[in-house]
Each structure stands twice: as structure tokens, then as C-alpha cells.
Amino acid sequence: MLKIYHNPRCRKSREGLAIVEASGEEFEIVKYLDNPPSYLELAAILGKLNLKPIELVRKNEAVWKEQFKNRELSDKEIIQAMVDHPKLIERPVVVKNNEAVVGRPPENINELFK
């Protein structure tokens, strides 16, 4: 089953959700700002994305600039920062079985339906 980590206030996330809805597949919406992923869940998602933790961080968020920018952080510390501040997680993220994509641009999500 598909799972979309979604922020309803984000236009790109809403566009990504529309693509998931149009797929006709069953899916689960995770409003990750209200229900953040655990450290282990986020680490597993990063593995499916095949990304380094820093590549999933929204670096223009105020909390990143104020607390983390220009600091030497380990991958574990970056994952923990995203768990503690889920606003830092790039969105939307769509997971299907052992694959995942970041929906930026939203059309990336179509890769999961090939």
C-alpha cells in the first residue's frame, strides 16, 4: 500500500496527493506535522529514498537556519533534527513497498506507478 507524508498547507504536497489519488491505488495519508515519523521510521524512509539525511532537509526553514545551519552534524543528528522538527522534512514523500520518492516536482511520484 502507498503512504504519503503530507502537509495539507503545502501546494506541492496537495499536488502530490492528487497524483496519488488519481493512481486508483489504496493509500494512507500521514500528516507528518501532526504525527511525525519516529527516528527508525525516518531512517527507513531515507533508505528507500536512497538519500543522505541532509538531502531531505528543507534548508530554508527558520528552525534550520537558527539551530543547525553551519554546524557539523552527523547523519544521526540530522535525522533526529527532522524527528524533533518535522517541518524540516521535504514534502511530500510517497512510499510504496520498498521504494520511495520525494514529490518535488510532484511528477516524480509517477515513478512509483511504472
PDB file of N, CA and C in Angstrom:
ATOM      1  N   MET A   1       0.828  -1.187   0.000  1.00  0.00           N
ATOM      2  CA  MET A   1       0.000   0.000   0.000  1.00  0.00           C
ATOM      3  C   MET A   1       0.874   1.254   0.000  1.00  0.00           C
ATOM      4  N   LEU A   2       0.363   2.287  -0.605  1.00  0.00           N
ATOM      5  CA  LEU A   2       1.050   3.571  -0.652  1.00  0.00           C
ATOM      6  C   LEU A   2       0.864   4.337   0.645  1.00  0.00           C
ATOM      7  N   LYS A   3       1.862   5.135   0.953  1.00  0.00           N
ATOM      8  CA  LYS A   3       1.774   6.032   2.092  1.00  0.00           C
ATOM      9  C   LYS A   3       2.343   7.364   1.644  1.00  0.00           C
ATOM     10  N   ILE A   4       1.590   8.439   1.869  1.00  0.00           N
ATOM     11  CA  ILE A   4       2.078   9.770   1.520  1.00  0.00           C
ATOM     12  C   ILE A   4       2.232  10.586   2.795  1.00  0.00           C
ATOM     13  N   TYR A   5       3.428  11.107   2.983  1.00  0.00           N
ATOM     14  CA  TYR A   5       3.708  12.008   4.096  1.00  0.00           C
ATOM     15  C   TYR A   5       3.370  13.402   3.581  1.00  0.00           C
ATOM     16  N   HIS A   6       2.302  13.963   4.121  1.00  0.00           N
ATOM     17  CA  HIS A   6       1.609  15.083   3.502  1.00  0.00           C
ATOM     18  C   HIS A   6       1.467  16.256   4.463  1.00  0.00           C
ATOM     19  N   ASN A   7       1.603  17.451   3.909  1.00  0.00           N
ATOM     20  CA  ASN A   7       1.305  18.686   4.618  1.00  0.00           C
ATOM     21  C   ASN A   7       0.220  19.395   3.818  1.00  0.00           C
ATOM     22  N   PRO A   8      -1.023  19.411   4.309  1.00  0.00           N
ATOM     23  CA  PRO A   8      -2.124  19.999   3.546  1.00  0.00           C
ATOM     24  C   PRO A   8      -1.955  21.482   3.249  1.00  0.00           C
ATOM     25  N   ARG A   9      -1.082  22.165   3.970  1.00  0.00           N
ATOM     26  CA  ARG A   9      -0.880  23.595   3.727  1.00  0.00           C
ATOM     27  C   ARG A   9       0.104  23.863   2.591  1.00  0.00           C
ATOM     28  N   CYS A  10       0.746  22.817   2.083  1.00  0.00           N
ATOM     29  CA  CYS A  10       1.772  22.959   1.048  1.00  0.00           C
ATOM     30  C   CYS A  10       1.181  22.635  -0.326  1.00  0.00           C
ATOM     31  N   ARG A  11       1.338  23.559  -1.262  1.00  0.00           N
ATOM     32  CA  ARG A  11       0.785  23.366  -2.609  1.00  0.00           C
ATOM     33  C   ARG A  11       1.382  22.137  -3.290  1.00  0.00           C
ATOM     34  N   LYS A  12       2.690  21.959  -3.209  1.00  0.00           N
ATOM     35  CA  LYS A  12       3.327  20.798  -3.859  1.00  0.00           C
ATOM     36  C   LYS A  12       2.838  19.496  -3.229  1.00  0.00           C
ATOM     37  N   SER A  13       2.624  19.513  -1.936  1.00  0.00           N
ATOM     38  CA  SER A  13       2.119  18.321  -1.265  1.00  0.00           C
ATOM     39  C   SER A  13       0.684  18.023  -1.717  1.00  0.00           C
ATOM     40  N   ARG A  14      -0.130  19.055  -1.858  1.00  0.00           N
ATOM     41  CA  ARG A  14      -1.503  18.853  -2.356  1.00  0.00           C
ATOM     42  C   ARG A  14      -1.491  18.333  -3.788  1.00  0.00           C
ATOM     43  N   GLU A  15      -0.582  18.849  -4.615  1.00  0.00           N
ATOM     44  CA  GLU A  15      -0.456  18.356  -5.990  1.00  0.00           C
ATOM     45  C   GLU A  15      -0.018  16.895  -5.982  1.00  0.00           C
ATOM     46  N   GLY A  16       0.890  16.546  -5.101  1.00  0.00           N
ATOM     47  CA  GLY A  16       1.339  15.161  -4.981  1.00  0.00           C
ATOM     48  C   GLY A  16       0.211  14.244  -4.546  1.00  0.00           C
ATOM     49  N   LEU A  17      -0.600  14.705  -3.601  1.00  0.00           N
ATOM     50  CA  LEU A  17      -1.741  13.921  -3.144  1.00  0.00           C
ATOM     51  C   LEU A  17      -2.717  13.675  -4.294  1.00  0.00           C
ATOM     52  N   ALA A  18      -2.920  14.661  -5.147  1.00  0.00           N
ATOM     53  CA  ALA A  18      -3.816  14.492  -6.295  1.00  0.00           C
ATOM     54  C   ALA A  18      -3.303  13.392  -7.226  1.00  0.00           C
ATOM     55  N   ILE A  19      -1.997  13.305  -7.412  1.00  0.00           N
ATOM     56  CA  ILE A  19      -1.414  12.259  -8.256  1.00  0.00           C
ATOM     57  C   ILE A  19      -1.646  10.892  -7.615  1.00  0.00           C
ATOM     58  N   VAL A  20      -1.446  10.801  -6.316  1.00  0.00           N
ATOM     59  CA  VAL A  20      -1.674   9.539  -5.604  1.00  0.00           C
ATOM     60  C   VAL A  20      -3.146   9.144  -5.711  1.00  0.00           C
ATOM     61  N   GLU A  21      -4.041  10.096  -5.498  1.00  0.00           N
ATOM     62  CA  GLU A  21      -5.479   9.808  -5.598  1.00  0.00           C
ATOM     63  C   GLU A  21      -5.845   9.317  -6.994  1.00  0.00           C
ATOM     64  N   ALA A  22      -5.259   9.928  -8.014  1.00  0.00           N
ATOM     65  CA  ALA A  22      -5.562   9.559  -9.402  1.00  0.00           C
ATOM     66  C   ALA A  22      -5.016   8.186  -9.780  1.00  0.00           C
ATOM     67  N   SER A  23      -4.089   7.657  -8.992  1.00  0.00           N
ATOM     68  CA  SER A  23      -3.492   6.355  -9.317  1.00  0.00           C
ATOM     69  C   SER A  23      -4.501   5.223  -9.162  1.00  0.00           C
ATOM     70  N   GLY A  24      -5.522   5.442  -8.370  1.00  0.00           N
ATOM     71  CA  GLY A  24      -6.506   4.389  -8.134  1.00  0.00           C
ATOM     72  C   GLY A  24      -6.058   3.358  -7.115  1.00  0.00           C
ATOM     73  N   GLU A  25      -4.851   3.494  -6.593  1.00  0.00           N
ATOM     74  CA  GLU A  25      -4.341   2.549  -5.595  1.00  0.00           C
ATOM     75  C   GLU A  25      -4.768   2.994  -4.195  1.00  0.00           C
ATOM     76  N   GLU A  26      -4.868   2.013  -3.299  1.00  0.00           N
ATOM     77  CA  GLU A  26      -5.157   2.344  -1.904  1.00  0.00           C
ATOM     78  C   GLU A  26      -3.959   3.073  -1.319  1.00  0.00           C
ATOM     79  N   PHE A  27      -4.243   4.029  -0.456  1.00  0.00           N
ATOM     80  CA  PHE A  27      -3.141   4.762   0.166  1.00  0.00           C
ATOM     81  C   PHE A  27      -3.545   5.268   1.532  1.00  0.00           C
ATOM     82  N   GLU A  28      -2.513   5.601   2.287  1.00  0.00           N
ATOM     83  CA  GLU A  28      -2.682   6.177   3.614  1.00  0.00           C
ATOM     84  C   GLU A  28      -2.041   7.554   3.608  1.00  0.00           C
ATOM     85  N   ILE A  29      -2.734   8.516   4.198  1.00  0.00           N
ATOM     86  CA  ILE A  29      -2.178   9.861   4.338  1.00  0.00           C
ATOM     87  C   ILE A  29      -1.614   9.998   5.752  1.00  0.00           C
ATOM     88  N   VAL A  30      -0.359  10.400   5.826  1.00  0.00           N
ATOM     89  CA  VAL A  30       0.260  10.686   7.114  1.00  0.00           C
ATOM     90  C   VAL A  30       0.506  12.188   7.158  1.00  0.00           C
ATOM     91  N   LYS A  31      -0.237  12.869   7.998  1.00  0.00           N
ATOM     92  CA  LYS A  31       0.000  14.297   8.203  1.00  0.00           C
ATOM     93  C   LYS A  31       1.170  14.401   9.179  1.00  0.00           C
ATOM     94  N   TYR A  32       2.365  14.411   8.599  1.00  0.00           N
ATOM     95  CA  TYR A  32       3.569  14.225   9.398  1.00  0.00           C
ATOM     96  C   TYR A  32       3.870  15.369  10.360  1.00  0.00           C
ATOM     97  N   LEU A  33       3.249  16.526  10.171  1.00  0.00           N
ATOM     98  CA  LEU A  33       3.451  17.590  11.157  1.00  0.00           C
ATOM     99  C   LEU A  33       2.681  17.286  12.440  1.00  0.00           C
ATOM    100  N   ASP A  34       1.536  16.605  12.284  1.00  0.00           N
ATOM    101  CA  ASP A  34       0.734  16.209  13.444  1.00  0.00           C
ATOM    102  C   ASP A  34       1.206  14.880  14.028  1.00  0.00           C
ATOM    103  N   ASN A  35       1.729  14.015  13.179  1.00  0.00           N
ATOM    104  CA  ASN A  35       2.132  12.667  13.573  1.00  0.00           C
ATOM    105  C   ASN A  35       3.514  12.380  12.981  1.00  0.00           C
ATOM    106  N   PRO A  36       4.569  12.970  13.550  1.00  0.00           N
ATOM    107  CA  PRO A  36       5.907  12.834  12.964  1.00  0.00           C
ATOM    108  C   PRO A  36       6.401  11.390  12.965  1.00  0.00           C
ATOM    109  N   PRO A  37       7.184  11.040  11.954  1.00  0.00           N
ATOM    110  CA  PRO A  37       7.771   9.696  11.951  1.00  0.00           C
ATOM    111  C   PRO A  37       8.781   9.563  13.083  1.00  0.00           C
ATOM    112  N   SER A  38       8.935   8.338  13.558  1.00  0.00           N
ATOM    113  CA  SER A  38       9.964   8.063  14.558  1.00  0.00           C
ATOM    114  C   SER A  38      11.337   8.106  13.884  1.00  0.00           C
ATOM    115  N   TYR A  39      12.359   8.086  14.705  1.00  0.00           N
ATOM    116  CA  TYR A  39      13.727   8.060  14.180  1.00  0.00           C
ATOM    117  C   TYR A  39      13.910   6.857  13.251  1.00  0.00           C
ATOM    118  N   LEU A  40      13.491   5.676  13.708  1.00  0.00           N
ATOM    119  CA  LEU A  40      13.671   4.463  12.902  1.00  0.00           C
ATOM    120  C   LEU A  40      12.846   4.511  11.624  1.00  0.00           C
ATOM    121  N   GLU A  41      11.636   5.036  11.709  1.00  0.00           N
ATOM    122  CA  GLU A  41      10.788   5.149  10.520  1.00  0.00           C
ATOM    123  C   GLU A  41      11.424   6.095   9.499  1.00  0.00           C
ATOM    124  N   LEU A  42      11.924   7.231   9.963  1.00  0.00           N
ATOM    125  CA  LEU A  42      12.549   8.189   9.053  1.00  0.00           C
ATOM    126  C   LEU A  42      13.828   7.618   8.455  1.00  0.00           C
ATOM    127  N   ALA A  43      14.598   6.902   9.245  1.00  0.00           N
ATOM    128  CA  ALA A  43      15.817   6.271   8.722  1.00  0.00           C
ATOM    129  C   ALA A  43      15.456   5.248   7.638  1.00  0.00           C
ATOM    130  N   ALA A  44      14.381   4.497   7.841  1.00  0.00           N
ATOM    131  CA  ALA A  44      13.940   3.518   6.843  1.00  0.00           C
ATOM    132  C   ALA A  44      13.477   4.214   5.567  1.00  0.00           C
ATOM    133  N   ILE A  45      12.771   5.325   5.711  1.00  0.00           N
ATOM    134  CA  ILE A  45      12.319   6.088   4.539  1.00  0.00           C
ATOM    135  C   ILE A  45      13.524   6.596   3.762  1.00  0.00           C
ATOM    136  N   LEU A  46      14.511   7.112   4.465  1.00  0.00           N
ATOM    137  CA  LEU A  46      15.725   7.597   3.789  1.00  0.00           C
ATOM    138  C   LEU A  46      16.396   6.474   3.014  1.00  0.00           C
ATOM    139  N   GLY A  47      16.403   5.266   3.575  1.00  0.00           N
ATOM    140  CA  GLY A  47      16.970   4.120   2.864  1.00  0.00           C
ATOM    141  C   GLY A  47      16.210   3.824   1.578  1.00  0.00           C
ATOM    142  N   LYS A  48      14.893   3.907   1.640  1.00  0.00           N
ATOM    143  CA  LYS A  48      14.070   3.666   0.443  1.00  0.00           C
ATOM    144  C   LYS A  48      14.245   4.777  -0.582  1.00  0.00           C
ATOM    145  N   LEU A  49      14.476   5.990  -0.100  1.00  0.00           N
ATOM    146  CA  LEU A  49      14.709   7.125  -0.996  1.00  0.00           C
ATOM    147  C   LEU A  49      16.110   7.088  -1.594  1.00  0.00           C
ATOM    148  N   ASN A  50      17.007   6.344  -0.934  1.00  0.00           N
ATOM    149  CA  ASN A  50      18.416   6.318  -1.322  1.00  0.00           C
ATOM    150  C   ASN A  50      19.024   7.726  -1.252  1.00  0.00           C
ATOM    151  N   LEU A  51      18.675   8.433  -0.169  1.00  0.00           N
ATOM    152  CA  LEU A  51      19.188   9.785   0.041  1.00  0.00           C
ATOM    153  C   LEU A  51      19.956   9.845   1.347  1.00  0.00           C
ATOM    154  N   LYS A  52      20.902  10.760   1.404  1.00  0.00           N
ATOM    155  CA  LYS A  52      21.555  11.089   2.665  1.00  0.00           C
ATOM    156  C   LYS A  52      20.573  11.970   3.443  1.00  0.00           C
ATOM    157  N   PRO A  53      20.594  11.921   4.756  1.00  0.00           N
ATOM    158  CA  PRO A  53      19.637  12.717   5.535  1.00  0.00           C
ATOM    159  C   PRO A  53      19.605  14.200   5.160  1.00  0.00           C
ATOM    160  N   ILE A  54      20.767  14.792   4.914  1.00  0.00           N
ATOM    161  CA  ILE A  54      20.807  16.219   4.592  1.00  0.00           C
ATOM    162  C   ILE A  54      20.030  16.532   3.313  1.00  0.00           C
ATOM    163  N   GLU A  55      19.902  15.548   2.422  1.00  0.00           N
ATOM    164  CA  GLU A  55      19.198  15.761   1.157  1.00  0.00           C
ATOM    165  C   GLU A  55      17.683  15.832   1.330  1.00  0.00           C
ATOM    166  N   LEU A  56      17.181  15.465   2.492  1.00  0.00           N
ATOM    167  CA  LEU A  56      15.742  15.519   2.756  1.00  0.00           C
ATOM    168  C   LEU A  56      15.367  16.731   3.612  1.00  0.00           C
ATOM    169  N   VAL A  57      16.350  17.528   3.978  1.00  0.00           N
ATOM    170  CA  VAL A  57      16.115  18.683   4.850  1.00  0.00           C
ATOM    171  C   VAL A  57      15.698  19.906   4.034  1.00  0.00           C
ATOM    172  N   ARG A  58      14.666  20.579   4.545  1.00  0.00           N
ATOM    173  CA  ARG A  58      14.246  21.872   3.987  1.00  0.00           C
ATOM    174  C   ARG A  58      15.150  22.938   4.634  1.00  0.00           C
ATOM    175  N   LYS A  59      16.190  23.314   3.917  1.00  0.00           N
ATOM    176  CA  LYS A  59      17.215  24.176   4.491  1.00  0.00           C
ATOM    177  C   LYS A  59      16.803  25.645   4.605  1.00  0.00           C
ATOM    178  N   ASN A  60      15.686  26.017   3.995  1.00  0.00           N
ATOM    179  CA  ASN A  60      15.229  27.401   4.103  1.00  0.00           C
ATOM    180  C   ASN A  60      14.287  27.634   5.283  1.00  0.00           C
ATOM    181  N   GLU A  61      13.973  26.580   6.013  1.00  0.00           N
ATOM    182  CA  GLU A  61      13.121  26.742   7.194  1.00  0.00           C
ATOM    183  C   GLU A  61      13.880  27.501   8.284  1.00  0.00           C
ATOM    184  N   ALA A  62      13.160  28.370   8.983  1.00  0.00           N
ATOM    185  CA  ALA A  62      13.777  29.198  10.028  1.00  0.00           C
ATOM    186  C   ALA A  62      14.483  28.350  11.081  1.00  0.00           C
ATOM    187  N   VAL A  63      13.851  27.245  11.484  1.00  0.00           N
ATOM    188  CA  VAL A  63      14.455  26.417  12.533  1.00  0.00           C
ATOM    189  C   VAL A  63      15.803  25.843  12.076  1.00  0.00           C
ATOM    190  N   TRP A  64      15.934  25.521  10.798  1.00  0.00           N
ATOM    191  CA  TRP A  64      17.218  25.034  10.290  1.00  0.00           C
ATOM    192  C   TRP A  64      18.256  26.151  10.353  1.00  0.00           C
ATOM    193  N   LYS A  65      17.881  27.317   9.839  1.00  0.00           N
ATOM    194  CA  LYS A  65      18.814  28.437   9.804  1.00  0.00           C
ATOM    195  C   LYS A  65      19.249  28.854  11.208  1.00  0.00           C
ATOM    196  N   GLU A  66      18.304  28.828  12.145  1.00  0.00           N
ATOM    197  CA  GLU A  66      18.590  29.295  13.503  1.00  0.00           C
ATOM    198  C   GLU A  66      19.350  28.282  14.350  1.00  0.00           C
ATOM    199  N   GLN A  67      19.073  26.985  14.158  1.00  0.00           N
ATOM    200  CA  GLN A  67      19.634  25.995  15.067  1.00  0.00           C
ATOM    201  C   GLN A  67      20.691  25.070  14.463  1.00  0.00           C
ATOM    202  N   PHE A  68      20.687  24.909  13.137  1.00  0.00           N
ATOM    203  CA  PHE A  68      21.527  23.852  12.566  1.00  0.00           C
ATOM    204  C   PHE A  68      22.478  24.307  11.463  1.00  0.00           C
ATOM    205  N   LYS A  69      22.149  25.374  10.769  1.00  0.00           N
ATOM    206  CA  LYS A  69      22.972  25.819   9.649  1.00  0.00           C
ATOM    207  C   LYS A  69      24.401  26.100  10.124  1.00  0.00           C
ATOM    208  N   ASN A  70      25.349  25.745   9.274  1.00  0.00           N
ATOM    209  CA  ASN A  70      26.782  25.965   9.541  1.00  0.00           C
ATOM    210  C   ASN A  70      27.313  25.154  10.715  1.00  0.00           C
ATOM    211  N   ARG A  71      26.595  24.093  11.101  1.00  0.00           N
ATOM    212  CA  ARG A  71      27.094  23.195  12.138  1.00  0.00           C
ATOM    213  C   ARG A  71      27.480  21.873  11.484  1.00  0.00           C
ATOM    214  N   GLU A  72      28.509  21.258  12.004  1.00  0.00           N
ATOM    215  CA  GLU A  72      28.898  19.926  11.550  1.00  0.00           C
ATOM    216  C   GLU A  72      27.994  18.921  12.246  1.00  0.00           C
ATOM    217  N   LEU A  73      27.084  18.308  11.485  1.00  0.00           N
ATOM    218  CA  LEU A  73      26.141  17.359  12.063  1.00  0.00           C
ATOM    219  C   LEU A  73      26.337  15.986  11.441  1.00  0.00           C
ATOM    220  N   SER A  74      26.243  14.960  12.263  1.00  0.00           N
ATOM    221  CA  SER A  74      26.288  13.588  11.746  1.00  0.00           C
ATOM    222  C   SER A  74      24.930  13.271  11.111  1.00  0.00           C
ATOM    223  N   ASP A  75      24.890  12.200  10.338  1.00  0.00           N
ATOM    224  CA  ASP A  75      23.615  11.773   9.758  1.00  0.00           C
ATOM    225  C   ASP A  75      22.591  11.509  10.858  1.00  0.00           C
ATOM    226  N   LYS A  76      23.021  10.901  11.946  1.00  0.00           N
ATOM    227  CA  LYS A  76      22.111  10.623  13.064  1.00  0.00           C
ATOM    228  C   LYS A  76      21.545  11.912  13.648  1.00  0.00           C
ATOM    229  N   GLU A  77      22.380  12.925  13.778  1.00  0.00           N
ATOM    230  CA  GLU A  77      21.919  14.208  14.318  1.00  0.00           C
ATOM    231  C   GLU A  77      20.939  14.889  13.366  1.00  0.00           C
ATOM    232  N   ILE A  78      21.173  14.757  12.070  1.00  0.00           N
ATOM    233  CA  ILE A  78      20.271  15.358  11.091  1.00  0.00           C
ATOM    234  C   ILE A  78      18.914  14.652  11.120  1.00  0.00           C
ATOM    235  N   ILE A  79      18.921  13.327  11.189  1.00  0.00           N
ATOM    236  CA  ILE A  79      17.663  12.587  11.292  1.00  0.00           C
ATOM    237  C   ILE A  79      16.926  13.002  12.559  1.00  0.00           C
ATOM    238  N   GLN A  80      17.629  13.093  13.660  1.00  0.00           N
ATOM    239  CA  GLN A  80      16.994  13.489  14.923  1.00  0.00           C
ATOM    240  C   GLN A  80      16.424  14.902  14.828  1.00  0.00           C
ATOM    241  N   ALA A  81      17.116  15.791  14.134  1.00  0.00           N
ATOM    242  CA  ALA A  81      16.600  17.157  13.949  1.00  0.00           C
ATOM    243  C   ALA A  81      15.275  17.128  13.196  1.00  0.00           C
ATOM    244  N   MET A  82      15.163  16.264  12.170  1.00  0.00           N
ATOM    245  CA  MET A  82      13.910  16.154  11.414  1.00  0.00           C
ATOM    246  C   MET A  82      12.803  15.529  12.262  1.00  0.00           C
ATOM    247  N   VAL A  83      13.158  14.586  13.118  1.00  0.00           N
ATOM    248  CA  VAL A  83      12.170  13.976  14.021  1.00  0.00           C
ATOM    249  C   VAL A  83      11.672  15.028  15.019  1.00  0.00           C
ATOM    250  N   ASP A  84      12.606  15.798  15.561  1.00  0.00           N
ATOM    251  CA  ASP A  84      12.254  16.824  16.551  1.00  0.00           C
ATOM    252  C   ASP A  84      11.527  18.012  15.924  1.00  0.00           C
ATOM    253  N   HIS A  85      11.833  18.292  14.675  1.00  0.00           N
ATOM    254  CA  HIS A  85      11.262  19.442  13.955  1.00  0.00           C
ATOM    255  C   HIS A  85      10.768  18.945  12.594  1.00  0.00           C
ATOM    256  N   PRO A  86       9.623  18.259  12.542  1.00  0.00           N
ATOM    257  CA  PRO A  86       9.171  17.645  11.285  1.00  0.00           C
ATOM    258  C   PRO A  86       8.959  18.637  10.143  1.00  0.00           C
ATOM    259  N   LYS A  87       8.873  19.914  10.466  1.00  0.00           N
ATOM    260  CA  LYS A  87       8.760  20.929   9.424  1.00  0.00           C
ATOM    261  C   LYS A  87       9.981  20.905   8.497  1.00  0.00           C
ATOM    262  N   LEU A  88      11.085  20.340   9.001  1.00  0.00           N
ATOM    263  CA  LEU A  88      12.318  20.268   8.208  1.00  0.00           C
ATOM    264  C   LEU A  88      12.278  19.196   7.122  1.00  0.00           C
ATOM    265  N   ILE A  89      11.309  18.292   7.178  1.00  0.00           N
ATOM    266  CA  ILE A  89      11.246  17.195   6.211  1.00  0.00           C
ATOM    267  C   ILE A  89      10.666  17.708   4.895  1.00  0.00           C
ATOM    268  N   GLU A  90      11.413  17.484   3.825  1.00  0.00           N
ATOM    269  CA  GLU A  90      10.920  17.850   2.493  1.00  0.00           C
ATOM    270  C   GLU A  90       9.631  17.102   2.220  1.00  0.00           C
ATOM    271  N   ARG A  91       8.737  17.702   1.481  1.00  0.00           N
ATOM    272  CA  ARG A  91       7.431  17.116   1.239  1.00  0.00           C
ATOM    273  C   ARG A  91       6.980  17.298  -0.185  1.00  0.00           C
ATOM    274  N   PRO A  92       6.082  16.458  -0.605  1.00  0.00           N
ATOM    275  CA  PRO A  92       5.627  15.238   0.046  1.00  0.00           C
ATOM    276  C   PRO A  92       6.612  14.091  -0.199  1.00  0.00           C
ATOM    277  N   VAL A  93       6.579  13.113   0.672  1.00  0.00           N
ATOM    278  CA  VAL A  93       7.311  11.868   0.463  1.00  0.00           C
ATOM    279  C   VAL A  93       6.267  10.781   0.282  1.00  0.00           C
ATOM    280  N   VAL A  94       6.430   9.985  -0.779  1.00  0.00           N
ATOM    281  CA  VAL A  94       5.490   8.895  -1.051  1.00  0.00           C
ATOM    282  C   VAL A  94       6.269   7.585  -1.029  1.00  0.00           C
ATOM    283  N   VAL A  95       5.751   6.635  -0.255  1.00  0.00           N
ATOM    284  CA  VAL A  95       6.394   5.333  -0.095  1.00  0.00           C
ATOM    285  C   VAL A  95       5.465   4.267  -0.654  1.00  0.00           C
ATOM    286  N   LYS A  96       6.050   3.378  -1.434  1.00  0.00           N
ATOM    287  CA  LYS A  96       5.326   2.219  -1.965  1.00  0.00           C
ATOM    288  C   LYS A  96       6.236   1.013  -1.817  1.00  0.00           C
ATOM    289  N   ASN A  97       5.878   0.131  -0.904  1.00  0.00           N
ATOM    290  CA  ASN A  97       6.679  -1.068  -0.624  1.00  0.00           C
ATOM    291  C   ASN A  97       8.101  -0.666  -0.266  1.00  0.00           C
ATOM    292  N   ASN A  98       9.073  -1.080  -1.080  1.00  0.00           N
ATOM    293  CA  ASN A  98      10.473  -0.766  -0.788  1.00  0.00           C
ATOM    294  C   ASN A  98      11.010   0.408  -1.590  1.00  0.00           C
ATOM    295  N   GLU A  99      10.108   1.165  -2.189  1.00  0.00           N
ATOM    296  CA  GLU A  99      10.504   2.331  -2.968  1.00  0.00           C
ATOM    297  C   GLU A  99       9.902   3.575  -2.346  1.00  0.00           C
ATOM    298  N   ALA A 100      10.543   4.705  -2.596  1.00  0.00           N
ATOM    299  CA  ALA A 100      10.003   5.982  -2.143  1.00  0.00           C
ATOM    300  C   ALA A 100      10.540   7.079  -3.045  1.00  0.00           C
ATOM    301  N   VAL A 101       9.764   8.153  -3.136  1.00  0.00           N
ATOM    302  CA  VAL A 101      10.188   9.331  -3.893  1.00  0.00           C
ATOM    303  C   VAL A 101       9.782  10.581  -3.127  1.00  0.00           C
ATOM    304  N   VAL A 102      10.541  11.644  -3.375  1.00  0.00           N
ATOM    305  CA  VAL A 102      10.157  12.964  -2.896  1.00  0.00           C
ATOM    306  C   VAL A 102       9.386  13.611  -4.037  1.00  0.00           C
ATOM    307  N   GLY A 103       8.201  14.090  -3.748  1.00  0.00           N
ATOM    308  CA  GLY A 103       7.344  14.679  -4.782  1.00  0.00           C
ATOM    309  C   GLY A 103       7.695  16.114  -5.096  1.00  0.00           C
ATOM    310  N   ARG A 104       8.934  16.356  -5.402  1.00  0.00           N
ATOM    311  CA  ARG A 104       9.393  17.672  -5.841  1.00  0.00           C
ATOM    312  C   ARG A 104      10.253  17.475  -7.072  1.00  0.00           C
ATOM    313  N   PRO A 105       9.728  17.711  -8.230  1.00  0.00           N
ATOM    314  CA  PRO A 105       8.359  18.130  -8.519  1.00  0.00           C
ATOM    315  C   PRO A 105       7.374  16.979  -8.295  1.00  0.00           C
ATOM    316  N   PRO A 106       6.086  17.306  -8.154  1.00  0.00           N
ATOM    317  CA  PRO A 106       5.087  16.275  -7.883  1.00  0.00           C
ATOM    318  C   PRO A 106       5.087  15.128  -8.901  1.00  0.00           C
ATOM    319  N   GLU A 107       5.474  15.407 -10.123  1.00  0.00           N
ATOM    320  CA  GLU A 107       5.502  14.383 -11.172  1.00  0.00           C
ATOM    321  C   GLU A 107       6.430  13.228 -10.833  1.00  0.00           C
ATOM    322  N   ASN A 108       7.393  13.450  -9.932  1.00  0.00           N
ATOM    323  CA  ASN A 108       8.281  12.361  -9.503  1.00  0.00           C
ATOM    324  C   ASN A 108       7.488  11.172  -8.964  1.00  0.00           C
ATOM    325  N   ILE A 109       6.321  11.436  -8.412  1.00  0.00           N
ATOM    326  CA  ILE A 109       5.511  10.383  -7.807  1.00  0.00           C
ATOM    327  C   ILE A 109       5.100   9.342  -8.839  1.00  0.00           C
ATOM    328  N   ASN A 110       4.965   9.747 -10.076  1.00  0.00           N
ATOM    329  CA  ASN A 110       4.581   8.816 -11.148  1.00  0.00           C
ATOM    330  C   ASN A 110       5.573   7.679 -11.305  1.00  0.00           C
ATOM    331  N   GLU A 111       6.804   7.866 -10.862  1.00  0.00           N
ATOM    332  CA  GLU A 111       7.816   6.803 -10.947  1.00  0.00           C
ATOM    333  C   GLU A 111       7.374   5.554 -10.186  1.00  0.00           C
ATOM    334  N   LEU A 112       6.555   5.726  -9.155  1.00  0.00           N
ATOM    335  CA  LEU A 112       6.102   4.585  -8.348  1.00  0.00           C
ATOM    336  C   LEU A 112       5.025   3.762  -9.041  1.00  0.00           C
ATOM    337  N   PHE A 113       4.469   4.263 -10.136  1.00  0.00           N
ATOM    338  CA  PHE A 113       3.362   3.591 -10.807  1.00  0.00           C
ATOM    339  C   PHE A 113       3.758   2.962 -12.133  1.00  0.00           C
ATOM    340  N   LYS A 114       5.046   2.876 -12.399  1.00  0.00           N
ATOM    341  CA  LYS A 114       5.514   2.290 -13.664  1.00  0.00           C
ATOM    342  C   LYS A 114       5.628   0.793 -13.535  1.00  0.00           C
TER     343      LYS A 114
END
